[in-house]
N, C-alpha and C. Protein backbone atom coordinates (compact mmCIF):
# COMPACT_ATOMS: atom_id res chain seq x y z
N MET A 1 -25.24 9.31 -14.03
CA MET A 1 -26.79 9.35 -13.30
C MET A 1 -26.84 10.99 -13.12
N THR A 2 -28.22 11.56 -13.49
CA THR A 2 -28.44 13.07 -13.36
C THR A 2 -29.10 12.97 -11.67
N PRO A 3 -29.00 14.30 -11.16
CA PRO A 3 -29.32 14.10 -9.79
C PRO A 3 -30.77 13.90 -9.40
N GLN A 4 -31.53 13.56 -10.48
CA GLN A 4 -33.08 13.32 -10.44
C GLN A 4 -33.04 11.61 -10.27
N ASP A 5 -32.13 11.41 -11.37
CA ASP A 5 -32.04 9.73 -11.15
C ASP A 5 -31.50 9.11 -9.78
N THR A 6 -30.53 10.10 -9.46
CA THR A 6 -30.03 9.50 -8.10
C THR A 6 -31.14 9.50 -6.96
N ALA A 7 -32.00 10.61 -6.92
CA ALA A 7 -32.92 10.67 -6.20
C ALA A 7 -33.97 9.49 -6.18
N ASP A 8 -34.40 9.22 -7.70
CA ASP A 8 -35.29 8.09 -7.68
C ASP A 8 -34.80 6.98 -7.44
N HIS A 9 -33.39 6.49 -7.54
CA HIS A 9 -32.89 5.53 -7.24
C HIS A 9 -32.88 5.28 -5.52
N VAL A 10 -32.61 6.47 -4.73
CA VAL A 10 -32.35 6.18 -3.44
C VAL A 10 -33.69 6.18 -2.79
N GLY A 11 -34.79 6.87 -3.70
CA GLY A 11 -36.21 6.74 -2.91
C GLY A 11 -36.77 5.00 -3.09
N THR A 12 -36.37 4.55 -4.21
CA THR A 12 -36.56 2.95 -4.62
C THR A 12 -36.12 2.29 -3.66
N GLY A 13 -34.91 2.45 -3.36
CA GLY A 13 -34.14 1.78 -2.45
C GLY A 13 -34.35 1.56 -1.08
N MET A 14 -34.70 3.16 -0.79
CA MET A 14 -35.08 2.94 0.69
C MET A 14 -36.12 2.50 0.96
N MET A 15 -37.27 2.69 0.14
CA MET A 15 -38.62 2.01 0.39
C MET A 15 -38.63 0.50 0.56
N ALA A 16 -37.63 -0.21 -0.33
CA ALA A 16 -37.65 -1.34 -0.49
C ALA A 16 -37.29 -1.83 1.11
N ASN A 17 -36.45 -1.37 1.76
CA ASN A 17 -36.33 -1.83 3.10
C ASN A 17 -36.49 -0.97 4.36
N ASP A 18 -37.69 -0.10 4.10
CA ASP A 18 -38.19 0.79 4.90
C ASP A 18 -39.67 -0.04 5.45
N GLN A 19 -39.35 -0.73 6.76
CA GLN A 19 -40.48 -1.72 7.37
C GLN A 19 -41.57 -0.90 7.84
N ALA A 20 -41.12 0.32 8.62
CA ALA A 20 -41.83 1.30 9.16
C ALA A 20 -43.02 1.94 8.05
N CYS A 21 -42.05 2.35 7.19
CA CYS A 21 -43.14 3.23 6.11
C CYS A 21 -44.16 2.17 5.32
N GLN A 22 -43.58 0.79 5.11
CA GLN A 22 -44.53 -0.37 4.59
C GLN A 22 -45.87 -0.69 5.51
N ALA A 23 -45.39 -0.82 6.89
CA ALA A 23 -46.26 -1.21 7.85
C ALA A 23 -47.38 -0.03 8.20
N LEU A 24 -46.92 1.04 7.86
CA LEU A 24 -48.24 2.22 7.95
C LEU A 24 -48.85 2.68 6.64
N GLY A 25 -48.31 2.05 5.90
CA GLY A 25 -48.97 2.57 4.35
C GLY A 25 -48.77 3.76 3.78
N ILE A 26 -47.29 4.37 4.31
CA ILE A 26 -46.77 5.37 3.49
C ILE A 26 -45.86 5.20 2.37
N ARG A 27 -46.24 6.07 1.62
CA ARG A 27 -45.78 5.87 0.19
C ARG A 27 -45.14 7.24 -0.39
N VAL A 28 -43.92 7.22 -1.15
CA VAL A 28 -43.43 8.31 -1.77
C VAL A 28 -44.16 8.50 -3.13
N THR A 29 -44.60 9.86 -3.20
CA THR A 29 -45.57 10.35 -4.38
C THR A 29 -44.40 11.04 -5.32
N HIS A 30 -43.50 11.79 -4.56
CA HIS A 30 -42.55 12.39 -5.62
C HIS A 30 -41.16 12.46 -4.77
N ILE A 31 -40.09 12.28 -5.15
CA ILE A 31 -38.77 12.69 -4.32
C ILE A 31 -37.78 13.39 -5.71
N ALA A 32 -37.04 14.19 -4.97
CA ALA A 32 -35.96 15.08 -6.02
C ALA A 32 -34.92 15.46 -5.16
N PRO A 33 -33.90 16.18 -5.54
CA PRO A 33 -32.99 16.31 -5.02
C PRO A 33 -33.24 17.32 -3.65
N GLY A 34 -32.99 16.98 -2.54
CA GLY A 34 -33.59 17.74 -1.24
C GLY A 34 -34.96 18.19 -1.19
N ARG A 35 -35.75 17.06 -1.57
CA ARG A 35 -37.26 17.44 -1.60
C ARG A 35 -38.01 16.20 -1.70
N ALA A 36 -38.94 15.74 -0.97
CA ALA A 36 -39.66 14.16 -1.03
C ALA A 36 -41.29 14.70 -0.36
N THR A 37 -41.87 14.11 -1.18
CA THR A 37 -43.72 14.14 -0.74
C THR A 37 -43.88 12.74 -0.63
N MET A 38 -44.80 12.34 0.66
CA MET A 38 -44.93 11.29 1.04
C MET A 38 -46.94 11.16 1.64
N THR A 39 -47.19 10.12 1.37
CA THR A 39 -48.49 10.21 1.78
C THR A 39 -49.18 9.14 2.83
N MET A 40 -50.04 9.38 3.53
CA MET A 40 -50.66 8.10 4.85
C MET A 40 -51.92 8.26 4.66
N THR A 41 -52.78 7.50 4.77
CA THR A 41 -54.29 7.47 4.92
C THR A 41 -54.49 7.02 6.12
N VAL A 42 -55.16 7.72 7.19
CA VAL A 42 -55.16 7.55 8.50
C VAL A 42 -56.42 6.27 8.48
N ARG A 43 -55.96 5.18 9.38
CA ARG A 43 -56.82 4.19 9.44
C ARG A 43 -57.27 3.99 10.79
N PRO A 44 -58.15 3.28 11.11
CA PRO A 44 -58.81 3.24 12.43
C PRO A 44 -57.64 2.97 13.58
N ASP A 45 -56.74 1.97 13.06
CA ASP A 45 -55.65 1.72 14.26
C ASP A 45 -54.70 2.74 14.24
N MET A 46 -54.52 3.95 13.71
CA MET A 46 -54.07 5.01 13.87
C MET A 46 -54.66 6.10 14.85
N LEU A 47 -55.99 5.83 15.50
CA LEU A 47 -56.06 6.77 16.25
C LEU A 47 -56.21 6.66 17.70
N ASN A 48 -56.02 7.53 18.26
CA ASN A 48 -55.70 7.58 19.92
C ASN A 48 -57.01 7.60 20.50
N GLY A 49 -56.85 7.96 21.76
CA GLY A 49 -58.20 7.74 22.64
C GLY A 49 -59.21 8.87 22.36
N PHE A 50 -58.94 9.90 21.82
CA PHE A 50 -59.58 11.06 21.37
C PHE A 50 -60.05 10.69 19.90
N ALA A 51 -59.90 9.68 19.30
CA ALA A 51 -60.65 9.38 17.98
C ALA A 51 -59.99 10.44 17.01
N ILE A 52 -58.51 10.82 17.03
CA ILE A 52 -57.72 11.53 16.12
C ILE A 52 -56.37 11.09 15.86
N CYS A 53 -55.92 11.10 14.87
CA CYS A 53 -54.82 10.44 14.68
C CYS A 53 -53.78 10.60 15.71
N HIS A 54 -52.92 9.79 16.14
CA HIS A 54 -51.97 9.92 17.03
C HIS A 54 -50.89 10.74 16.62
N GLY A 55 -50.47 11.81 17.48
CA GLY A 55 -49.35 12.54 16.99
C GLY A 55 -48.10 12.04 16.66
N GLY A 56 -47.76 10.78 17.13
CA GLY A 56 -46.54 10.05 16.97
C GLY A 56 -46.55 9.51 15.18
N LEU A 57 -47.69 9.19 15.16
CA LEU A 57 -47.82 8.74 13.39
C LEU A 57 -47.67 9.87 12.52
N ILE A 58 -48.32 11.12 12.67
CA ILE A 58 -48.07 12.18 12.21
C ILE A 58 -46.59 12.50 12.00
N THR A 59 -46.13 12.58 13.21
CA THR A 59 -44.46 12.81 13.11
C THR A 59 -43.74 11.85 12.32
N THR A 60 -44.02 10.31 12.30
CA THR A 60 -43.46 9.47 11.60
C THR A 60 -43.51 9.73 10.06
N LEU A 61 -44.83 10.25 9.93
CA LEU A 61 -45.11 10.74 8.20
C LEU A 61 -43.95 12.02 7.72
N ALA A 62 -44.03 12.87 8.98
CA ALA A 62 -43.16 13.94 8.71
C ALA A 62 -41.86 13.68 8.64
N ASP A 63 -41.39 12.75 9.20
CA ASP A 63 -39.88 12.41 9.70
C ASP A 63 -39.39 11.59 8.65
N SER A 64 -40.51 10.70 7.90
CA SER A 64 -39.95 10.12 6.64
C SER A 64 -39.93 10.68 5.54
N ALA A 65 -40.89 11.66 5.24
CA ALA A 65 -40.45 12.61 4.26
C ALA A 65 -39.18 13.35 4.44
N PHE A 66 -38.90 13.87 5.70
CA PHE A 66 -37.25 14.36 5.93
C PHE A 66 -36.38 13.61 5.84
N ALA A 67 -36.32 12.33 5.94
CA ALA A 67 -35.40 11.25 5.63
C ALA A 67 -35.13 11.22 4.30
N TYR A 68 -36.13 10.91 3.34
CA TYR A 68 -35.94 10.48 1.94
C TYR A 68 -35.45 12.01 1.38
N ALA A 69 -35.91 13.17 1.74
CA ALA A 69 -35.60 14.47 0.97
C ALA A 69 -33.75 14.73 1.56
N CYS A 70 -33.67 14.52 2.58
CA CYS A 70 -32.08 14.58 2.97
C CYS A 70 -31.35 13.49 2.58
N ASN A 71 -31.73 12.33 2.32
CA ASN A 71 -30.89 11.23 1.92
C ASN A 71 -30.93 11.17 0.27
N SER A 72 -31.70 11.91 -0.50
CA SER A 72 -31.70 11.98 -2.06
C SER A 72 -30.40 12.09 -2.66
N TYR A 73 -29.65 12.68 -2.30
CA TYR A 73 -28.12 12.76 -2.87
C TYR A 73 -27.43 11.77 -2.94
N ASN A 74 -28.15 10.64 -1.93
CA ASN A 74 -27.24 9.37 -1.60
C ASN A 74 -26.21 9.45 -1.14
N GLU A 75 -26.23 10.30 0.15
CA GLU A 75 -25.01 10.04 1.01
C GLU A 75 -25.63 9.88 2.35
N LEU A 76 -25.24 8.83 2.95
CA LEU A 76 -26.13 8.41 4.33
C LEU A 76 -26.21 9.51 5.33
N THR A 77 -27.63 9.70 5.44
CA THR A 77 -27.73 11.30 6.22
C THR A 77 -28.60 10.68 7.38
N VAL A 78 -28.68 11.27 8.83
CA VAL A 78 -29.63 10.75 9.55
C VAL A 78 -29.95 12.10 10.33
N ALA A 79 -31.23 12.07 10.98
CA ALA A 79 -31.60 13.26 11.81
C ALA A 79 -30.84 13.36 13.40
N SER A 80 -30.34 14.65 13.28
CA SER A 80 -29.88 15.22 14.40
C SER A 80 -30.75 15.75 15.68
N GLY A 81 -32.01 16.12 14.76
CA GLY A 81 -32.81 16.64 15.86
C GLY A 81 -34.34 17.11 15.21
N LEU A 82 -35.28 17.33 15.82
CA LEU A 82 -36.69 17.50 14.85
C LEU A 82 -37.44 18.60 15.95
N SER A 83 -38.45 19.18 15.56
CA SER A 83 -39.36 19.59 16.01
C SER A 83 -40.57 19.51 15.47
N VAL A 84 -41.64 19.58 16.15
CA VAL A 84 -43.14 19.54 15.43
C VAL A 84 -44.04 20.02 16.28
N ASP A 85 -44.76 20.92 15.33
CA ASP A 85 -45.99 21.85 16.23
C ASP A 85 -47.40 21.01 15.27
N PHE A 86 -48.26 20.73 16.19
CA PHE A 86 -49.69 20.16 15.23
C PHE A 86 -50.44 21.37 15.62
N VAL A 87 -51.15 21.42 14.61
CA VAL A 87 -52.04 22.70 14.28
C VAL A 87 -53.61 22.40 13.97
N ALA A 88 -53.58 20.88 13.73
CA ALA A 88 -55.03 20.50 13.61
C ALA A 88 -55.03 19.19 13.51
N PRO A 89 -56.29 18.35 14.07
CA PRO A 89 -56.24 16.94 14.17
C PRO A 89 -56.29 16.36 12.56
N GLY A 90 -55.51 15.08 12.80
CA GLY A 90 -56.03 14.24 11.51
C GLY A 90 -56.92 13.39 11.72
N ARG A 91 -57.93 13.06 11.20
CA ARG A 91 -59.13 12.03 11.00
C ARG A 91 -59.25 10.81 10.51
N GLU A 92 -59.64 10.12 10.99
CA GLU A 92 -59.94 8.85 10.01
C GLU A 92 -60.33 8.79 8.67
N GLY A 93 -59.90 8.18 8.04
CA GLY A 93 -60.02 8.62 6.38
C GLY A 93 -59.14 9.58 5.95
N ASP A 94 -58.67 10.44 6.51
CA ASP A 94 -57.96 11.59 5.87
C ASP A 94 -56.79 10.88 5.47
N VAL A 95 -56.33 11.67 4.22
CA VAL A 95 -55.20 11.23 3.53
C VAL A 95 -54.26 12.49 3.86
N LEU A 96 -53.22 12.23 4.24
CA LEU A 96 -52.39 12.97 4.95
C LEU A 96 -50.85 13.20 3.84
N THR A 97 -50.67 14.65 3.67
CA THR A 97 -49.45 14.40 2.75
C THR A 97 -48.52 15.45 3.42
N ALA A 98 -47.31 14.82 3.42
CA ALA A 98 -46.05 15.61 3.80
C ALA A 98 -45.16 16.03 2.96
N VAL A 99 -44.87 17.07 2.64
CA VAL A 99 -43.89 17.80 1.89
C VAL A 99 -42.94 18.20 2.60
N ALA A 100 -41.58 17.58 2.31
CA ALA A 100 -40.40 18.15 2.73
C ALA A 100 -39.44 18.69 1.77
N GLU A 101 -38.86 19.77 2.35
CA GLU A 101 -38.14 20.92 1.13
C GLU A 101 -36.71 21.15 2.09
N GLU A 102 -35.72 21.08 1.29
CA GLU A 102 -34.52 21.55 2.06
C GLU A 102 -34.39 22.95 2.24
N VAL A 103 -34.08 23.39 3.50
CA VAL A 103 -33.76 24.84 3.62
C VAL A 103 -32.51 25.34 3.59
N SER A 104 -31.74 24.56 4.19
CA SER A 104 -30.04 24.74 4.06
C SER A 104 -29.14 23.41 4.17
N LEU A 105 -28.34 23.37 3.34
CA LEU A 105 -27.37 22.27 3.38
C LEU A 105 -25.84 22.82 3.31
N ALA A 106 -25.22 22.68 4.36
CA ALA A 106 -23.81 23.17 4.28
C ALA A 106 -22.97 22.21 4.88
N GLY A 107 -21.84 21.56 4.33
CA GLY A 107 -21.02 20.73 4.65
C GLY A 107 -21.84 19.29 5.19
N ARG A 108 -21.73 19.06 6.77
CA ARG A 108 -22.33 17.69 6.69
C ARG A 108 -23.92 18.00 7.47
N THR A 109 -23.94 19.14 7.67
CA THR A 109 -25.41 19.48 8.47
C THR A 109 -26.60 20.23 7.24
N GLY A 110 -27.80 19.72 7.65
CA GLY A 110 -28.81 20.42 6.81
C GLY A 110 -30.07 20.51 7.59
N VAL A 111 -30.80 21.67 7.13
CA VAL A 111 -32.14 21.96 7.73
C VAL A 111 -33.58 21.73 6.84
N TYR A 112 -34.31 21.18 7.37
CA TYR A 112 -35.31 20.76 6.05
C TYR A 112 -36.85 20.93 7.04
N ASP A 113 -37.88 21.81 5.99
CA ASP A 113 -39.04 21.75 6.71
C ASP A 113 -40.10 21.03 6.21
N VAL A 114 -40.93 20.20 6.89
CA VAL A 114 -42.06 19.73 6.39
C VAL A 114 -43.47 20.14 6.76
N ASN A 115 -44.37 20.36 5.81
CA ASN A 115 -45.57 20.41 5.92
C ASN A 115 -46.67 19.34 5.58
N VAL A 116 -47.41 18.98 6.67
CA VAL A 116 -48.18 18.16 6.58
C VAL A 116 -49.85 18.65 6.29
N THR A 117 -50.45 18.30 5.40
CA THR A 117 -51.67 18.84 4.76
C THR A 117 -52.83 17.58 4.95
N ASN A 118 -54.12 17.75 5.01
CA ASN A 118 -55.03 16.76 4.67
C ASN A 118 -55.36 16.92 3.01
N GLN A 119 -56.41 16.05 2.77
CA GLN A 119 -56.66 15.91 1.18
C GLN A 119 -57.31 17.33 0.95
N ARG A 120 -58.10 18.04 1.96
CA ARG A 120 -58.42 19.28 1.71
C ARG A 120 -57.39 20.82 1.98
N GLY A 121 -56.04 20.30 1.76
CA GLY A 121 -55.20 21.25 1.93
C GLY A 121 -54.92 21.99 3.14
N GLU A 122 -55.61 21.61 4.05
CA GLU A 122 -55.63 22.25 5.44
C GLU A 122 -54.39 21.70 6.02
N ARG A 123 -53.90 22.61 6.70
CA ARG A 123 -52.24 22.06 7.43
C ARG A 123 -52.58 21.47 8.76
N ILE A 124 -52.01 20.18 8.79
CA ILE A 124 -52.12 19.62 10.27
C ILE A 124 -51.09 19.71 11.23
N ALA A 125 -49.73 19.47 10.59
CA ALA A 125 -48.74 19.77 11.58
C ALA A 125 -47.67 20.66 10.67
N VAL A 126 -46.31 21.08 11.27
CA VAL A 126 -45.42 21.83 10.73
C VAL A 126 -43.94 21.32 11.42
N PHE A 127 -43.15 20.98 10.92
CA PHE A 127 -42.05 20.04 11.15
C PHE A 127 -40.69 20.64 10.84
N ARG A 128 -39.80 20.64 11.46
CA ARG A 128 -38.42 21.11 11.20
C ARG A 128 -37.32 19.97 11.52
N GLY A 129 -36.67 19.56 10.56
CA GLY A 129 -35.53 18.41 10.97
C GLY A 129 -34.46 18.91 10.49
N ARG A 130 -33.49 18.54 11.47
CA ARG A 130 -31.94 18.91 11.40
C ARG A 130 -31.38 17.63 11.11
N SER A 131 -30.20 17.57 9.87
CA SER A 131 -29.47 16.21 9.36
C SER A 131 -28.28 16.66 9.83
N TYR A 132 -27.49 15.03 9.79
CA TYR A 132 -26.06 15.12 9.63
C TYR A 132 -25.67 14.01 8.74
N ARG A 133 -24.87 14.31 7.96
CA ARG A 133 -24.38 13.38 6.46
C ARG A 133 -22.99 12.61 6.96
N MET A 134 -23.01 11.59 6.73
CA MET A 134 -22.06 10.54 7.14
C MET A 134 -21.22 10.69 5.73
N LYS A 135 -20.26 11.54 5.53
CA LYS A 135 -19.63 11.66 4.08
C LYS A 135 -18.82 10.36 3.74
N GLY A 136 -19.17 10.00 2.60
CA GLY A 136 -18.23 8.84 2.04
C GLY A 136 -19.09 7.65 2.11
N ARG A 137 -20.53 7.47 2.43
CA ARG A 137 -21.13 6.50 2.72
C ARG A 137 -22.43 6.52 2.07
N PRO A 138 -22.83 5.66 1.01
CA PRO A 138 -24.13 5.94 0.34
C PRO A 138 -25.10 5.14 1.09
N THR A 139 -26.49 6.13 0.92
CA THR A 139 -27.57 5.56 1.25
C THR A 139 -27.80 4.29 1.04
N VAL A 140 -27.96 4.07 -0.22
CA VAL A 140 -28.13 3.01 -0.91
C VAL A 140 -26.92 2.76 -1.74
N PRO A 141 -26.78 1.27 -2.40
CA PRO A 141 -26.07 0.84 -3.34
C PRO A 141 -26.03 1.58 -4.55
N PRO A 142 -25.06 2.03 -5.03
CA PRO A 142 -25.13 2.72 -6.34
C PRO A 142 -25.69 1.89 -7.73
N ALA A 143 -26.48 2.57 -8.46
CA ALA A 143 -27.21 1.94 -9.32
C ALA A 143 -25.92 1.22 -10.21
N ALA A 144 -26.38 -0.03 -10.98
CA ALA A 144 -25.40 -0.86 -11.52
C ALA A 144 -25.22 -0.33 -12.93
């Protein structure tokens, strides 16, 4: 398998078991080695008391893109930490896009940046995730 084939296989395999993403309507629109793009439409049940998208749900979208990007090599990888800055509100009906990109991968640790934008290209949040790889453990079973 090519690295892209592996990333595609991981994306499909992860989503098949990803109850959180399925419940929130988060979709993978692109995956490649060290990269992932995911989208989520802000629904009325995602709004907080100020009628804007709950920050935890924006973080979930960004964290999901981070997870798919760092697992795209099919080596089980988990988050060891993250930070997120909200720079604009997400509104009902917005289609939010999270683009995760690998910044550094050395040994068992990695750093990934995720930008979340709306359908107008306006930045909503900036996320940085730190990852830890479980060497020798695949994220999903290898393709037959």
